[in-house]
Protein backbone atom coordinates (compact mmCIF):
# COMPACT_ATOMS: atom_id res chain seq x y z
CA MET A 1 195.22 54.75 205.49
CA VAL A 2 192.84 53.26 207.87
CA LEU A 3 189.33 54.58 207.74
CA ASN A 4 186.43 53.42 209.87
CA ARG A 5 183.97 52.77 207.04
CA ALA A 6 181.20 50.23 207.13
CA LEU A 7 180.90 48.12 203.97
CA ILE A 8 178.66 45.12 203.19
CA LEU A 9 178.58 42.87 200.25
CA GLY A 10 175.13 41.64 199.93
CA ALA A 11 173.86 38.32 198.54
CA PHE A 12 176.52 36.98 196.21
CA ALA A 13 175.08 34.25 194.11
CA LEU A 14 177.77 31.69 194.40
CA THR A 15 176.96 28.10 193.17
CA THR A 16 179.13 25.21 193.84
CA MET A 17 178.35 22.15 191.99
CA MET A 18 179.45 18.89 193.84
CA SER A 19 179.37 15.21 192.68
CA PRO A 20 176.54 13.11 194.14
CA CYS A 21 179.16 11.47 196.47
CA GLY A 22 180.30 14.83 197.75
CA GLY A 23 183.92 14.19 196.45
CA GLU A 24 185.43 16.05 193.43
CA ASP A 25 184.07 19.46 192.23
CA ILE A 26 182.51 19.55 188.70
CA VAL A 27 184.16 22.22 186.58
CA ALA A 28 181.43 24.22 184.95
CA ASP A 29 181.69 25.41 181.28
CA HIS A 30 179.88 28.64 182.06
CA VAL A 31 179.24 30.63 185.33
CA GLY A 32 176.47 33.10 185.88
CA SER A 33 176.31 35.60 188.70
CA TYR A 34 172.77 36.67 189.28
CA GLY A 35 171.86 39.50 191.65
CA THR A 36 175.18 40.67 192.79
CA GLU A 37 174.34 43.66 195.05
CA ILE A 38 176.38 46.20 197.12
CA TYR A 39 175.24 48.58 199.69
CA GLN A 40 177.60 50.82 201.52
CA SER A 41 177.46 53.70 204.02
CA HIS A 42 179.88 55.87 202.11
CA GLY A 43 179.96 57.00 198.50
CA PRO A 44 177.36 55.57 196.03
CA SER A 45 174.36 54.18 197.70
CA GLY A 46 174.72 50.81 196.01
CA GLN A 47 174.91 48.59 192.94
CA TYR A 48 172.98 45.71 191.56
CA THR A 49 174.46 43.75 188.49
CA GLN A 50 174.09 40.40 186.74
CA GLU A 51 177.11 38.76 185.07
CA PHE A 52 177.87 35.74 182.67
CA ASP A 53 181.36 34.34 182.47
CA GLY A 54 182.75 37.33 184.18
CA ASP A 55 181.06 39.92 181.79
CA GLU A 56 178.42 42.20 182.89
CA LEU A 57 174.94 41.70 181.35
CA PHE A 58 173.34 44.56 182.93
CA TYR A 59 173.12 46.86 186.09
CA VAL A 60 170.30 48.72 187.55
CA ASP A 61 170.47 52.59 187.76
CA LEU A 62 169.20 53.11 191.33
CA GLY A 63 168.73 56.71 190.75
CA LYS A 64 166.52 56.41 187.63
CA LYS A 65 165.09 53.10 188.65
CA GLU A 66 165.75 51.47 185.28
CA THR A 67 167.76 48.58 183.86
CA VAL A 68 170.87 49.46 181.89
CA TRP A 69 172.05 46.74 179.52
CA ARG A 70 175.84 46.52 178.83
CA LEU A 71 174.96 45.96 175.14
CA PRO A 72 171.67 47.24 173.96
CA MET A 73 170.88 44.18 171.91
CA PHE A 74 170.61 42.08 175.20
CA SER A 75 167.31 43.80 175.87
CA GLN A 76 165.84 42.24 172.81
CA PHE A 77 166.17 38.77 174.17
CA ALA A 78 165.50 39.34 178.01
CA GLY A 79 164.08 41.75 180.55
CA PHE A 80 164.60 42.63 184.12
CA ASP A 81 162.31 44.49 186.46
CA PRO A 82 164.34 47.17 188.33
CA GLN A 83 161.97 47.01 191.27
CA ALA A 84 163.38 43.75 192.19
CA ALA A 85 166.93 45.19 192.44
CA LEU A 86 165.53 48.20 194.50
CA SER A 87 163.94 45.55 197.00
CA GLU A 88 167.19 43.73 197.29
CA ILE A 89 169.10 46.97 197.91
CA ALA A 90 166.50 47.91 200.70
CA THR A 91 167.18 44.66 202.37
CA ALA A 92 170.93 45.10 202.21
CA LYS A 93 170.61 48.48 203.69
CA HIS A 94 168.59 47.16 206.63
CA ASN A 95 171.05 44.41 207.15
CA LEU A 96 173.95 46.94 207.07
CA ASP A 97 172.15 49.06 209.79
CA VAL A 98 171.64 46.06 212.00
CA LEU A 99 175.30 44.91 211.54
CA THR A 100 176.72 48.37 212.30
CA LYS A 101 174.76 48.77 215.49
CA ARG A 102 175.86 45.27 216.68
CA SER A 103 179.53 45.58 215.71
CA ASN A 104 182.39 47.20 217.54
CA PHE A 105 183.18 49.53 214.56
CA THR A 106 186.62 47.69 213.92
CA PRO A 107 188.56 49.81 211.50
CA VAL A 108 188.99 48.29 208.06
CA ILE A 109 192.27 48.29 206.32
CA ASN A 110 191.94 49.58 202.90
CA GLU A 111 194.14 48.03 200.10
CA VAL A 112 195.61 50.36 197.59
CA PRO A 113 194.10 49.65 194.12
CA GLU A 114 196.42 48.34 191.30
CA VAL A 115 196.03 50.65 188.38
CA THR A 116 197.19 50.17 184.73
CA VAL A 117 196.75 52.27 181.48
CA PHE A 118 197.11 50.98 178.09
CA SER A 119 195.63 51.33 174.65
CA LYS A 120 192.92 49.17 173.09
CA SER A 121 195.03 48.76 169.76
CA PRO A 122 198.57 49.71 168.53
CA MET A 123 198.87 53.36 168.19
CA VAL A 124 198.84 55.10 164.91
CA LEU A 125 199.12 58.91 164.84
CA GLY A 126 195.87 60.37 163.56
CA GLN A 127 193.81 57.20 163.93
CA PRO A 128 191.13 56.98 166.55
CA ASN A 129 191.87 54.82 169.49
CA THR A 130 190.76 54.02 173.05
CA LEU A 131 192.75 54.37 176.29
CA ILE A 132 191.86 51.94 179.04
CA CYS A 133 192.24 52.36 182.69
CA HIS A 134 192.05 49.14 184.62
CA MET A 135 191.76 49.36 188.45
CA ASP A 136 191.91 46.21 190.45
CA ASN A 137 191.80 44.87 194.01
CA PHE A 138 189.86 47.44 195.91
CA PRO A 139 186.64 48.02 197.91
CA PRO A 140 183.83 49.50 195.70
CA VAL A 141 184.53 53.14 196.35
CA ILE A 142 186.69 54.92 193.71
CA ASN A 143 186.71 57.91 191.44
CA ILE A 144 188.40 58.11 188.12
CA THR A 145 189.09 61.27 185.93
CA TRP A 146 190.90 61.38 182.59
CA LEU A 147 193.27 64.14 182.06
CA LYS A 148 194.78 65.56 178.81
CA ASN A 149 197.82 67.68 179.25
CA GLY A 150 196.87 68.30 182.82
CA HIS A 151 193.11 69.31 182.11
CA ALA A 152 190.13 67.20 182.77
CA VAL A 153 188.47 65.38 179.84
CA THR A 154 184.68 64.83 179.79
CA GLU A 155 184.04 63.82 176.17
CA GLY A 156 184.54 60.31 175.02
CA VAL A 157 184.65 59.07 178.52
CA SER A 158 182.91 55.90 179.85
CA GLU A 159 183.29 53.25 182.54
CA THR A 160 181.98 50.02 183.80
CA SER A 161 180.11 49.44 187.06
CA PHE A 162 182.07 47.68 189.90
CA LEU A 163 182.77 44.15 188.82
CA PRO A 164 183.15 41.63 191.54
CA LYS A 165 185.83 39.06 191.87
CA ASP A 166 186.07 35.67 193.51
CA ASP A 167 188.17 37.05 196.46
CA HIS A 168 185.31 39.60 197.09
CA SER A 169 187.47 42.57 195.81
CA PHE A 170 186.41 44.57 192.76
CA LEU A 171 187.78 45.88 189.55
CA LYS A 172 186.66 48.73 187.42
CA ILE A 173 187.54 49.76 183.88
CA GLY A 174 187.45 53.26 182.39
CA TYR A 175 187.62 54.22 178.77
CA LEU A 176 188.59 57.28 176.85
CA THR A 177 188.26 57.64 172.96
CA PHE A 178 190.82 60.05 171.57
CA LEU A 179 192.99 60.80 168.53
CA PRO A 180 196.62 60.03 169.14
CA SER A 181 199.08 62.83 168.85
CA ASP A 182 202.78 63.05 169.71
CA ASP A 183 202.18 66.35 171.50
CA ASP A 184 199.55 65.12 174.02
CA VAL A 185 199.92 63.34 177.26
CA TYR A 186 197.21 61.57 179.10
CA ASP A 187 196.64 60.54 182.93
CA CYS A 188 194.14 58.31 184.53
CA LYS A 189 193.51 60.13 187.87
CA VAL A 190 192.45 57.64 190.58
CA GLU A 191 190.86 58.65 193.90
CA HIS A 192 190.38 56.09 196.71
CA TRP A 193 190.16 55.83 200.55
CA SER A 194 193.62 54.11 200.77
CA LEU A 195 195.41 56.87 198.82
CA ASP A 196 196.69 59.99 200.76
CA GLU A 197 196.54 61.98 197.38
CA PRO A 198 195.20 61.12 193.80
CA LEU A 199 197.11 58.48 191.91
CA LEU A 200 198.11 59.47 188.34
CA LYS A 201 198.85 56.72 185.79
CA HIS A 202 200.56 58.29 182.69
CA TRP A 203 200.40 57.41 179.11
CA GLY A 204 202.09 59.07 176.14
CA MET A 205 203.20 58.34 172.52
CA TYR A 206 206.90 58.54 173.67
CA GLU A 207 208.31 57.18 176.92
CA PHE A 208 211.86 57.94 178.18
CA HIS A 209 213.70 57.02 181.28
CA PRO A 210 214.45 60.11 183.40
CA PHE A 211 218.24 59.62 183.01
CA TRP A 212 217.81 60.58 179.33
CA TYR A 213 216.25 63.98 179.92
CA SER A 214 219.32 65.86 178.78
CA LEU A 215 221.47 63.45 176.85
CA PHE A 216 220.58 64.74 173.42
CA PHE A 217 221.34 68.10 172.02
CA TYR A 218 221.06 69.21 168.41
CA GLN A 219 223.28 71.97 167.37
CA ALA A 220 221.94 74.37 164.94
CA GLN A 221 225.34 75.40 163.62
CA ASN A 222 227.75 73.40 161.43
CA THR A 223 230.63 73.61 163.85
CA LEU A 224 231.18 73.98 167.58
CA SER A 225 233.32 76.63 169.05
CA PHE A 226 235.61 75.25 171.64
CA GLY A 227 236.70 78.76 172.72
CA PRO A 228 235.19 80.98 175.31
CA SER A 229 232.44 82.09 172.85
CA VAL A 230 228.80 81.43 173.45
CA SER A 231 227.04 79.21 170.76
CA GLN A 232 223.32 79.30 170.26
CA SER A 233 221.91 75.87 170.37
CA LYS A 234 218.51 74.12 170.02
CA ALA A 235 217.82 71.67 172.96
CA CYS A 236 214.98 68.98 172.58
CA PHE A 237 213.78 67.03 175.51
CA PRO A 238 211.24 64.30 174.34
CA HIS A 239 210.37 63.33 177.91
CA PHE A 240 208.16 66.51 178.24
CA LYS A 241 206.58 66.23 174.75
CA VAL A 242 207.23 69.83 174.04
CA SER A 243 205.69 70.87 170.64
CA LYS A 244 208.35 73.66 170.26
CA ILE A 245 212.06 73.69 169.92
CA ILE A 246 213.53 75.66 172.86
CA GLU A 247 216.11 78.10 172.16
CA THR A 248 218.97 78.38 174.78
CA PHE A 249 222.49 79.11 175.26
CA ILE A 250 225.34 76.65 176.07
CA ARG A 251 228.81 77.66 176.67
CA PHE A 252 231.69 75.47 175.30
CA PRO A 253 233.84 74.19 176.54
CA LYS A 254 232.40 73.32 179.96
CA PRO A 255 234.46 70.78 182.14
CA GLY A 256 232.88 67.45 181.45
CA ALA A 257 229.97 68.91 179.45
CA LEU A 258 230.58 66.90 176.35
CA SER A 259 232.23 63.50 175.85
CA PHE A 260 231.65 63.10 172.14
CA CYS A 261 230.77 65.49 169.28
CA SER A 262 230.29 64.35 165.74
CA MET A 263 230.08 67.12 163.25
CA ASN A 264 227.14 67.43 160.87
CA THR A 265 225.66 64.00 161.57
CA THR A 266 221.87 63.30 161.41
CA PRO A 267 220.41 62.94 164.88
CA PRO A 268 217.95 60.10 165.73
CA ALA A 269 214.49 60.63 164.16
CA HIS A 270 212.31 62.80 166.35
CA PRO A 271 209.67 65.32 165.47
CA HIS A 272 211.46 68.19 167.28
CA ALA A 273 214.89 67.52 165.71
CA GLN A 274 214.64 69.81 162.78
CA ALA A 275 217.89 71.80 162.82
CA HIS A 276 219.71 72.20 159.41
CA LYS A 277 222.97 69.99 159.31
CA PRO A 278 222.93 69.49 162.93
CA THR A 279 225.72 68.44 165.14
CA PHE A 280 224.79 65.63 167.52
CA CYS A 281 226.42 65.86 171.05
CA ILE A 282 226.19 63.36 173.73
CA LEU A 283 226.36 64.49 177.36
CA THR A 284 228.47 62.39 179.78
CA PHE A 285 226.91 60.47 182.68
CA ILE A 286 228.40 62.75 185.20
CA THR A 287 226.80 66.01 183.68
CA SER A 288 223.56 64.43 182.43
CA LEU A 289 221.74 64.87 185.89
CA PHE A 290 222.98 68.49 186.22
CA GLN A 291 221.92 69.36 182.60
CA SER A 292 218.57 67.87 183.48
CA LEU A 293 218.02 70.14 186.38
CA ARG A 294 219.28 73.15 184.40
CA PHE A 295 216.94 72.71 181.45
CA GLN A 296 213.93 71.16 183.07
CA PRO A 297 212.24 74.40 183.87
CA LEU A 298 212.83 75.51 180.18
CA CYS A 299 211.11 72.47 178.95
CA GLN A 300 208.15 72.80 181.16
CA SER A 301 207.71 76.57 180.26
C-alpha cells in the first residue's frame, strides 16, 4: 500500500572515525547515538532518544515533558533536561514543514514490517514468563495490541520506543508478562500503513500443522462396531486448544474413513485424551481434509 505520508528523520548522530591518513576505518569498541529524533506528520508527534551500543538509555516523553530512563538506576548517574529535546523536535517540525512545501509530494512505498513472537525463556506450565513481539524494518508508525483468546490484554503490557537502525528503518519490541496455560492462545496484533488489515502473529503452548486437524480420534468404547450402527466417540483437536472433549457421532464403516485401528491402545499423551481404555484410530490422508472441515465448527464452538 502506497500512502502519501511525509516523514523526516532528524539529526541522527552518526560518527565515523577515520585514520589520520584517511584510509582505513577504525572499528570502535562502543558506539553511542545521542539525540536521535523523529518528527512526522502522521501518528505520534515525534520521539527523542539516546542509545549506547544499540540499547536505549532514555527517551523524552514529549507530552509530559519529562525524561524517562529505560532503567531507573541510570538517573542516579546522569541527567538530561527534556527542554533540549523539545527544542530539537521544534526544529525538526520546522524543517519538515519547509521540505513538505518545497517537495512534489512523491508517494512513499511503505515496507511491510517483519513480526516475530517468542517467549523470553522456556515454557513451564504455571510459571510466570514473558512473551516478546519483535517488529522490524518499518517506518516509525505502528500500533501493537496483545490478544488473549481473541480479547485485548492491557495488564502486564509494555513496549520500547522506536529503535533506529543503521539503514534508517526502525524496530520496536512489545512485552507481555503472563502465566502459561495449555488452554490459552495469544496473538500480537500489528497495525501499520503497509498492511491492508491488521497482522496477527500467533503463539500457543501446542503448535500443529493444519494437516493434522482430524488425524486423531479417541474412541470411548473398548471396541468398534463395523456394522451400520452409530458409535459415540470423543474427538479431540489440539490445534484449537479446546479445554473440553467434544462429544460427536461417527458412523462406521465409512469408505476410506479409517485406515488403521488398534484396540485398547493408549493414545499419545495430551491433556484432552482422557477416555477410559481408548481405541486409537488414524484417518487416511484422503479423508483427513474432509474430516477437518466436518469437525472444525464443533471444535470452535
